[in-house]
Protein backbone atom coordinates (compact mmCIF):
# COMPACT_ATOMS: atom_id res chain seq x y z
CA UNK A 1 -70.49 -30.39 71.58
CA UNK A 2 -70.28 -30.86 67.81
CA UNK A 3 -67.18 -32.51 66.41
CA UNK A 4 -64.48 -30.20 65.10
CA UNK A 5 -64.43 -30.33 61.29
CA UNK A 6 -61.11 -30.46 59.46
CA UNK A 7 -60.84 -29.69 55.73
CA UNK A 8 -57.85 -31.80 54.68
CA UNK A 9 -56.23 -30.70 51.39
CA UNK A 10 -53.82 -32.50 49.04
CA UNK A 11 -54.86 -35.82 50.57
CA UNK A 12 -53.13 -39.01 49.46
CA UNK A 13 -54.05 -42.57 50.41
CA UNK A 14 -51.22 -42.79 52.93
CA UNK A 15 -52.51 -39.56 54.54
CA UNK A 16 -56.00 -41.01 54.88
CA UNK A 17 -54.68 -44.20 56.45
CA UNK A 18 -52.46 -42.48 59.01
CA UNK A 19 -55.01 -39.82 59.99
CA UNK A 20 -57.91 -42.26 60.17
CA UNK A 21 -55.79 -44.46 62.41
CA UNK A 22 -54.91 -41.50 64.65
CA UNK A 23 -58.59 -40.44 64.67
CA UNK A 24 -59.90 -43.98 65.23
CA UNK A 25 -62.21 -42.83 68.03
CA UNK A 26 -63.89 -40.39 65.65
CA UNK A 27 -63.03 -37.33 67.72
CA UNK A 28 -62.74 -35.17 64.57
CA UNK A 29 -64.76 -35.04 61.36
CA UNK A 30 -62.16 -35.02 58.58
CA UNK A 31 -63.14 -34.09 55.03
CA UNK A 32 -60.40 -35.32 52.68
CA UNK A 33 -59.85 -33.39 49.43
CA UNK A 34 -57.40 -34.58 46.78
CA UNK A 35 -56.93 -31.06 45.43
CA UNK A 36 -54.40 -28.61 46.84
CA UNK A 37 -55.56 -25.56 48.79
CA UNK A 38 -55.32 -22.59 46.42
CA UNK A 39 -57.32 -19.42 45.75
CA UNK A 40 -59.42 -21.52 43.34
CA UNK A 41 -60.22 -24.30 45.83
CA UNK A 42 -60.52 -22.45 49.14
CA UNK A 43 -64.34 -22.55 48.98
CA UNK A 44 -64.15 -26.28 49.69
CA UNK A 45 -63.24 -25.36 53.27
CA UNK A 46 -66.67 -23.81 53.86
CA UNK A 47 -68.14 -25.16 57.10
CA UNK A 48 -64.84 -26.40 58.50
CA UNK A 49 -63.19 -25.26 61.72
CA UNK A 50 -59.65 -26.07 60.58
CA UNK A 51 -57.77 -26.52 57.32
CA UNK A 52 -54.99 -29.10 57.23
CA UNK A 53 -52.36 -28.46 54.55
CA UNK A 54 -49.04 -29.75 53.21
CA UNK A 55 -45.93 -28.36 51.52
CA UNK A 56 -47.42 -27.47 48.13
CA UNK A 57 -50.66 -25.86 49.25
CA UNK A 58 -50.71 -22.13 48.54
CA UNK A 59 -51.80 -20.18 51.61
CA UNK A 60 -51.41 -16.61 50.40
CA UNK A 61 -53.16 -13.44 51.56
CA UNK A 62 -56.24 -14.11 49.41
CA UNK A 63 -56.68 -17.61 50.87
CA UNK A 64 -56.12 -16.32 54.41
CA UNK A 65 -58.80 -13.65 53.95
CA UNK A 66 -61.26 -16.22 52.63
CA UNK A 67 -60.56 -18.58 55.53
CA UNK A 68 -61.02 -15.71 57.97
CA UNK A 69 -64.33 -14.76 56.35
CA UNK A 70 -65.49 -18.37 56.74
CA UNK A 71 -64.75 -18.24 60.45
CA UNK A 72 -61.77 -20.60 60.21
CA UNK A 73 -59.18 -19.66 62.80
CA UNK A 74 -56.57 -22.43 62.44
CA UNK A 75 -54.28 -23.60 59.66
CA UNK A 76 -52.72 -26.92 60.66
CA UNK A 77 -49.60 -27.72 58.67
CA UNK A 78 -48.75 -31.42 58.63
CA UNK A 79 -45.09 -30.64 57.93
CA UNK A 80 -42.23 -28.68 59.48
CA UNK A 81 -41.69 -26.02 56.80
CA UNK A 82 -44.08 -23.11 56.38
CA UNK A 83 -42.62 -21.06 53.51
CA UNK A 84 -45.87 -21.65 51.56
CA UNK A 85 -47.87 -19.72 54.19
CA UNK A 86 -47.90 -15.93 54.40
CA UNK A 87 -47.44 -16.08 58.18
CA UNK A 88 -47.03 -12.31 58.52
CA UNK A 89 -50.37 -11.67 56.81
CA UNK A 90 -52.00 -14.42 58.87
CA UNK A 91 -51.00 -12.78 62.15
CA UNK A 92 -54.06 -11.43 63.95
CA UNK A 93 -56.42 -13.36 61.65
CA UNK A 94 -55.68 -17.07 61.46
CA UNK A 95 -53.35 -19.06 63.70
CA UNK A 96 -50.80 -21.40 62.11
CA UNK A 97 -49.45 -24.57 63.72
CA UNK A 98 -46.96 -27.09 62.35
CA UNK A 99 -45.27 -30.43 63.02
CA UNK A 100 -41.72 -29.39 63.91
CA UNK A 101 -40.27 -32.91 64.15
CA UNK A 102 -42.06 -35.96 62.78
CA UNK A 103 -39.10 -38.21 62.05
CA UNK A 104 -35.79 -36.45 61.53
CA UNK A 105 -34.30 -39.90 61.01
CA UNK A 106 -36.47 -40.48 57.94
CA UNK A 107 -35.18 -37.39 56.13
CA UNK A 108 -31.55 -37.77 57.20
CA UNK A 109 -31.51 -41.44 56.20
CA UNK A 110 -33.06 -40.62 52.84
CA UNK A 111 -30.35 -38.03 52.21
CA UNK A 112 -27.70 -40.67 52.85
CA UNK A 113 -29.59 -43.19 50.71
CA UNK A 114 -29.55 -40.74 47.80
CA UNK A 115 -25.83 -40.10 48.28
CA UNK A 116 -24.91 -43.79 48.40
CA UNK A 117 -27.14 -44.60 45.44
CA UNK A 118 -25.51 -41.85 43.40
CA UNK A 119 -21.83 -42.37 44.14
CA UNK A 120 -21.99 -46.18 43.97
CA UNK A 121 -24.19 -46.15 40.83
CA UNK A 122 -26.72 -48.46 42.50
CA UNK A 123 -29.61 -47.17 40.38
CA UNK A 124 -27.67 -47.98 37.21
CA UNK A 125 -26.62 -51.42 38.47
CA UNK A 126 -30.23 -52.23 39.33
CA UNK A 127 -31.40 -51.45 35.80
CA UNK A 128 -28.53 -53.44 34.26
CA UNK A 129 -29.04 -56.58 36.30
CA UNK A 130 -32.80 -56.55 35.58
CA UNK A 131 -31.65 -57.09 31.96
CA UNK A 132 -29.10 -59.72 33.08
CA UNK A 133 -26.27 -57.33 32.25
CA UNK A 134 -23.56 -57.90 34.86
CA UNK A 135 -20.76 -55.77 33.39
CA UNK A 136 -19.07 -53.33 35.79
CA UNK A 137 -17.85 -50.73 33.29
CA UNK A 138 -19.17 -47.27 34.15
CA UNK A 139 -20.07 -48.18 37.74
CA UNK A 140 -16.92 -46.99 39.50
CA UNK A 141 -17.70 -44.89 42.56
CA UNK A 142 -15.65 -43.43 45.39
CA UNK A 143 -15.23 -43.95 49.14
CA UNK A 144 -17.08 -41.71 51.55
CA UNK A 145 -14.49 -42.40 54.24
CA UNK A 146 -12.18 -39.40 54.60
CA UNK A 147 -14.30 -37.10 52.43
CA UNK A 148 -15.46 -33.72 53.75
CA UNK A 149 -19.19 -33.12 53.93
CA UNK A 150 -20.56 -29.61 54.37
CA UNK A 151 -23.92 -29.57 56.16
CA UNK A 152 -26.03 -26.43 55.91
CA UNK A 153 -28.53 -26.33 58.75
CA UNK A 154 -27.87 -28.15 62.02
CA UNK A 155 -31.34 -28.63 63.42
CA UNK A 156 -32.50 -32.13 64.33
CA UNK A 157 -32.31 -33.47 60.78
CA UNK A 158 -28.95 -31.87 60.07
CA UNK A 159 -27.40 -33.22 63.27
CA UNK A 160 -28.70 -36.74 62.63
CA UNK A 161 -27.26 -36.57 59.11
CA UNK A 162 -23.95 -35.47 60.65
CA UNK A 163 -24.01 -38.50 62.97
CA UNK A 164 -24.61 -40.77 59.97
CA UNK A 165 -21.73 -39.17 58.07
CA UNK A 166 -19.40 -39.56 61.04
CA UNK A 167 -20.33 -43.24 61.10
CA UNK A 168 -18.89 -43.47 57.59
CA UNK A 169 -15.65 -41.84 58.75
CA UNK A 170 -16.32 -38.55 56.99
CA UNK A 171 -15.01 -35.16 58.05
CA UNK A 172 -17.87 -32.78 58.87
CA UNK A 173 -18.03 -29.01 58.59
CA UNK A 174 -21.25 -27.04 58.93
CA UNK A 175 -22.90 -23.67 58.55
CA UNK A 176 -25.86 -22.43 60.54
CA UNK A 177 -27.01 -18.90 61.26
CA UNK A 178 -27.63 -20.08 64.82
CA UNK A 179 -24.89 -22.63 65.66
CA UNK A 180 -25.78 -25.37 68.13
CA UNK A 181 -23.89 -24.72 71.37
CA UNK A 182 -21.58 -27.41 72.78
CA UNK A 183 -22.35 -29.68 69.81
CA UNK A 184 -18.77 -30.47 68.85
CA UNK A 185 -19.60 -29.43 65.29
CA UNK A 186 -16.98 -27.46 63.34
CA UNK A 187 -18.85 -24.38 62.12
CA UNK A 188 -17.41 -22.41 59.22
CA UNK A 189 -18.53 -19.56 56.97
CA UNK A 190 -20.51 -20.38 53.85
CA UNK A 191 -17.56 -19.31 51.72
CA UNK A 192 -15.27 -21.79 53.50
CA UNK A 193 -17.88 -24.53 53.28
CA UNK A 194 -18.26 -24.01 49.52
CA UNK A 195 -14.51 -24.29 48.97
CA UNK A 196 -13.74 -27.23 51.31
CA UNK A 197 -16.66 -29.63 50.94
CA UNK A 198 -16.60 -32.67 48.67
CA UNK A 199 -20.30 -33.15 49.40
CA UNK A 200 -22.84 -30.47 50.36
CA UNK A 201 -26.15 -31.37 52.00
CA UNK A 202 -28.95 -28.88 52.64
CA UNK A 203 -30.98 -29.22 55.86
CA UNK A 204 -32.28 -25.70 56.45
CA UNK A 205 -35.70 -24.05 56.08
CA UNK A 206 -36.37 -21.78 53.12
CA UNK A 207 -36.36 -18.05 53.86
CA UNK A 208 -36.13 -14.89 51.77
CA UNK A 209 -32.52 -14.64 52.89
CA UNK A 210 -31.36 -18.06 51.68
CA UNK A 211 -33.50 -18.47 48.55
CA UNK A 212 -31.17 -19.61 45.73
CA UNK A 213 -28.24 -19.84 48.13
CA UNK A 214 -26.77 -22.29 45.62
CA UNK A 215 -26.37 -20.06 42.57
CA UNK A 216 -23.75 -19.28 39.91
CA UNK A 217 -21.59 -17.38 42.41
CA UNK A 218 -21.59 -20.06 45.11
CA UNK A 219 -21.12 -22.87 42.57
CA UNK A 220 -18.03 -21.06 41.24
CA UNK A 221 -16.47 -21.33 44.71
CA UNK A 222 -17.06 -25.09 45.02
CA UNK A 223 -14.66 -27.94 44.37
CA UNK A 224 -14.74 -29.53 40.95
CA UNK A 225 -16.87 -32.67 41.17
CA UNK A 226 -18.82 -31.63 44.27
CA UNK A 227 -21.95 -33.66 45.10
CA UNK A 228 -25.03 -31.64 46.13
CA UNK A 229 -27.89 -33.14 48.18
CA UNK A 230 -31.18 -31.35 48.83
CA UNK A 231 -33.89 -32.87 51.00
CA UNK A 232 -35.14 -29.51 52.37
CA UNK A 233 -36.79 -27.05 49.98
CA UNK A 234 -36.32 -26.81 46.23
CA UNK A 235 -35.86 -23.03 46.04
CA UNK A 236 -32.67 -23.22 48.08
CA UNK A 237 -31.11 -24.06 44.70
CA UNK A 238 -31.21 -21.99 41.53
CA UNK A 239 -32.09 -24.94 39.32
CA UNK A 240 -30.89 -23.43 36.06
CA UNK A 241 -27.54 -22.63 37.70
CA UNK A 242 -27.40 -26.25 38.91
CA UNK A 243 -27.97 -27.52 35.38
CA UNK A 244 -25.20 -25.29 34.03
CA UNK A 245 -22.88 -26.42 36.83
CA UNK A 246 -23.49 -30.06 35.91
CA UNK A 247 -22.99 -29.37 32.19
CA UNK A 248 -19.71 -27.59 32.97
CA UNK A 249 -18.54 -30.64 34.98
CA UNK A 250 -18.18 -28.41 38.04
CA UNK A 251 -20.90 -30.35 39.88
CA UNK A 252 -20.20 -34.07 39.86
CA UNK A 253 -23.66 -35.21 40.96
CA UNK A 254 -26.96 -33.92 42.33
CA UNK A 255 -29.31 -35.80 44.65
CA UNK A 256 -32.66 -34.01 44.84
CA UNK A 257 -35.77 -34.91 46.80
CA UNK A 258 -37.20 -31.43 46.22
CA UNK A 259 -37.48 -29.08 43.25
CA UNK A 260 -38.35 -25.40 43.22
CA UNK A 261 -41.18 -25.81 40.71
CA UNK A 262 -42.50 -29.07 42.14
CA UNK A 263 -45.92 -27.92 43.31
CA UNK A 264 -47.83 -28.90 40.16
CA UNK A 265 -45.71 -31.99 39.41
CA UNK A 266 -44.67 -33.93 42.50
CA UNK A 267 -47.13 -36.37 44.11
CA UNK A 268 -48.82 -36.99 40.72
CA UNK A 269 -48.43 -39.61 37.99
CA UNK A 270 -47.38 -38.07 34.69
CA UNK A 271 -45.94 -41.25 33.20
CA UNK A 272 -48.39 -41.08 30.29
CA UNK A 273 -48.16 -37.32 29.80
CA UNK A 274 -45.70 -34.73 28.56
CA UNK A 275 -44.40 -32.65 31.45
CA UNK A 276 -44.08 -29.03 30.39
CA UNK A 277 -41.02 -28.31 32.49
CA UNK A 278 -37.88 -28.29 30.36
CA UNK A 279 -35.54 -27.67 33.29
CA UNK A 280 -36.80 -30.69 35.22
CA UNK A 281 -36.71 -32.80 32.05
CA UNK A 282 -33.06 -31.84 31.51
CA UNK A 283 -32.20 -32.68 35.11
CA UNK A 284 -33.85 -36.10 35.00
CA UNK A 285 -32.12 -36.91 31.71
CA UNK A 286 -28.67 -36.36 33.21
CA UNK A 287 -26.90 -39.58 34.26
CA UNK A 288 -25.43 -38.05 37.42
CA UNK A 289 -28.72 -36.69 38.78
CA UNK A 290 -31.15 -38.57 41.02
CA UNK A 291 -34.60 -37.07 41.62
CA UNK A 292 -37.11 -38.45 44.11
CA UNK A 293 -40.51 -36.85 44.51
CA UNK A 294 -40.39 -35.26 47.98
CA UNK A 295 -40.50 -38.67 49.65
CA UNK A 296 -37.79 -38.23 52.29
CA UNK A 297 -40.44 -37.95 55.01
CA UNK A 298 -42.35 -41.02 53.84
CA UNK A 299 -41.90 -43.71 56.48
CA UNK A 300 -44.54 -45.43 58.58
CA UNK A 301 -43.10 -43.88 61.72
CA UNK A 302 -43.11 -40.37 60.28
CA UNK A 303 -46.67 -40.63 58.96
CA UNK A 304 -47.90 -41.80 62.36
CA UNK A 305 -46.07 -38.98 64.15
CA UNK A 306 -47.37 -36.39 61.67
CA UNK A 307 -50.98 -37.48 62.18
CA UNK A 308 -50.71 -37.68 65.97
CA UNK A 309 -48.98 -34.30 66.31
CA UNK A 310 -51.31 -32.52 63.85
CA UNK A 311 -54.45 -33.71 65.60
CA UNK A 312 -52.94 -32.91 68.99
CA UNK A 313 -52.17 -29.38 67.73
CA UNK A 314 -55.84 -28.98 66.77
CA UNK A 315 -56.99 -30.45 70.08
CA UNK A 316 -54.70 -28.16 72.08
CA UNK A 317 -55.70 -25.06 70.12
CA UNK A 318 -59.42 -25.49 70.80
CA UNK A 319 -59.16 -26.76 74.37
CA UNK A 320 -56.66 -24.36 75.93
CA UNK A 321 -54.84 -21.09 75.48
CA UNK A 322 -51.61 -22.98 74.95
CA UNK A 323 -50.28 -23.68 71.45
CA UNK A 324 -46.79 -25.15 71.68
CA UNK A 325 -46.31 -25.65 67.90
CA UNK A 326 -47.68 -22.30 66.73
CA UNK A 327 -45.82 -20.47 63.96
CA UNK A 328 -45.48 -16.72 64.44
CA UNK A 329 -43.71 -14.40 62.02
CA UNK A 330 -42.39 -12.41 64.98
CA UNK A 331 -40.48 -15.31 66.52
CA UNK A 332 -36.80 -14.91 65.77
CA UNK A 333 -37.48 -11.79 63.72
CA UNK A 334 -38.22 -9.10 66.28
CA UNK A 335 -35.88 -8.91 69.26
CA UNK A 336 -38.58 -7.90 71.73
CA UNK A 337 -40.83 -10.88 70.91
CA UNK A 338 -41.36 -12.62 74.26
CA UNK A 339 -43.34 -15.54 72.90
CA UNK A 340 -42.48 -18.65 74.94
CA UNK A 341 -45.22 -20.74 73.30
CA UNK A 342 -47.02 -21.01 76.61
CA UNK A 343 -50.00 -19.20 75.13
CA UNK A 344 -51.38 -18.33 71.69
CA UNK A 345 -49.62 -15.60 69.72
CA UNK A 346 -52.76 -13.42 69.58
């Protein structure tokens, strides 16, 4: 039997290393492409059995049709989120699988790292001491102990972040459309979370329902000086509203690992170029904003888990009728969907 061919888009060196290590026996033929999968690049997948994609690849109806015409029947996401895939259009044509949990610790720990860096001015102190400036003026922070953190989304990452916050002696409140039973978490409405939280951290997937959930109206309900953390998806936040909230001193700090217009910017080096994104430029210029480039997932453990799970998803799809990590637009949307993930969705 010929090897299964995988067209791997948006490939970085760390992707190559982790996937080549996971594929060390040469079970799969992997064609690595640096470019993202878009309507303009989909022809590169010609001859492949699978396309492997990441968060900023654009798998719209046009791309799905082209993949289907090529005989490709599997889109393998090497991430948990799938808002960049038109899963409803894909149904009946191309199957979609994902990596639901690669290292929830990596993302939760990065969220806390951003928070600590921001409130204790560690990034500013680092720059000062590199210049042998050891003055403390302007570096005053605040204790996390006793503060109230509002966590939106209590899946694996959200619950690990909650555990970390409790370790700091913080009070935790949370919102989730589907609260975790017997978790001991104090669930509240979004309105109550906005008004009570000193710190708000986003750990939910992006849907049509929660797009721009942080907007002028929700910001108006928040405490003055609130700190906002986002390690989930950029479009959960209306970025222009965030900028205005910071300018108005309503938002005390923002810690962002994601950005709603990141697809053509993040994962690339523009240090010698002018970035034509005025909103992002304004954010980065603000002293109380920290931006990292979608790196919360980036640990050795997570990369290894992503590669192993992705290739196992491909292996399972082609060797059996079972597809435990398949994404189906019907799941959780239509009450009579009986999918138990013990067989393929179609």
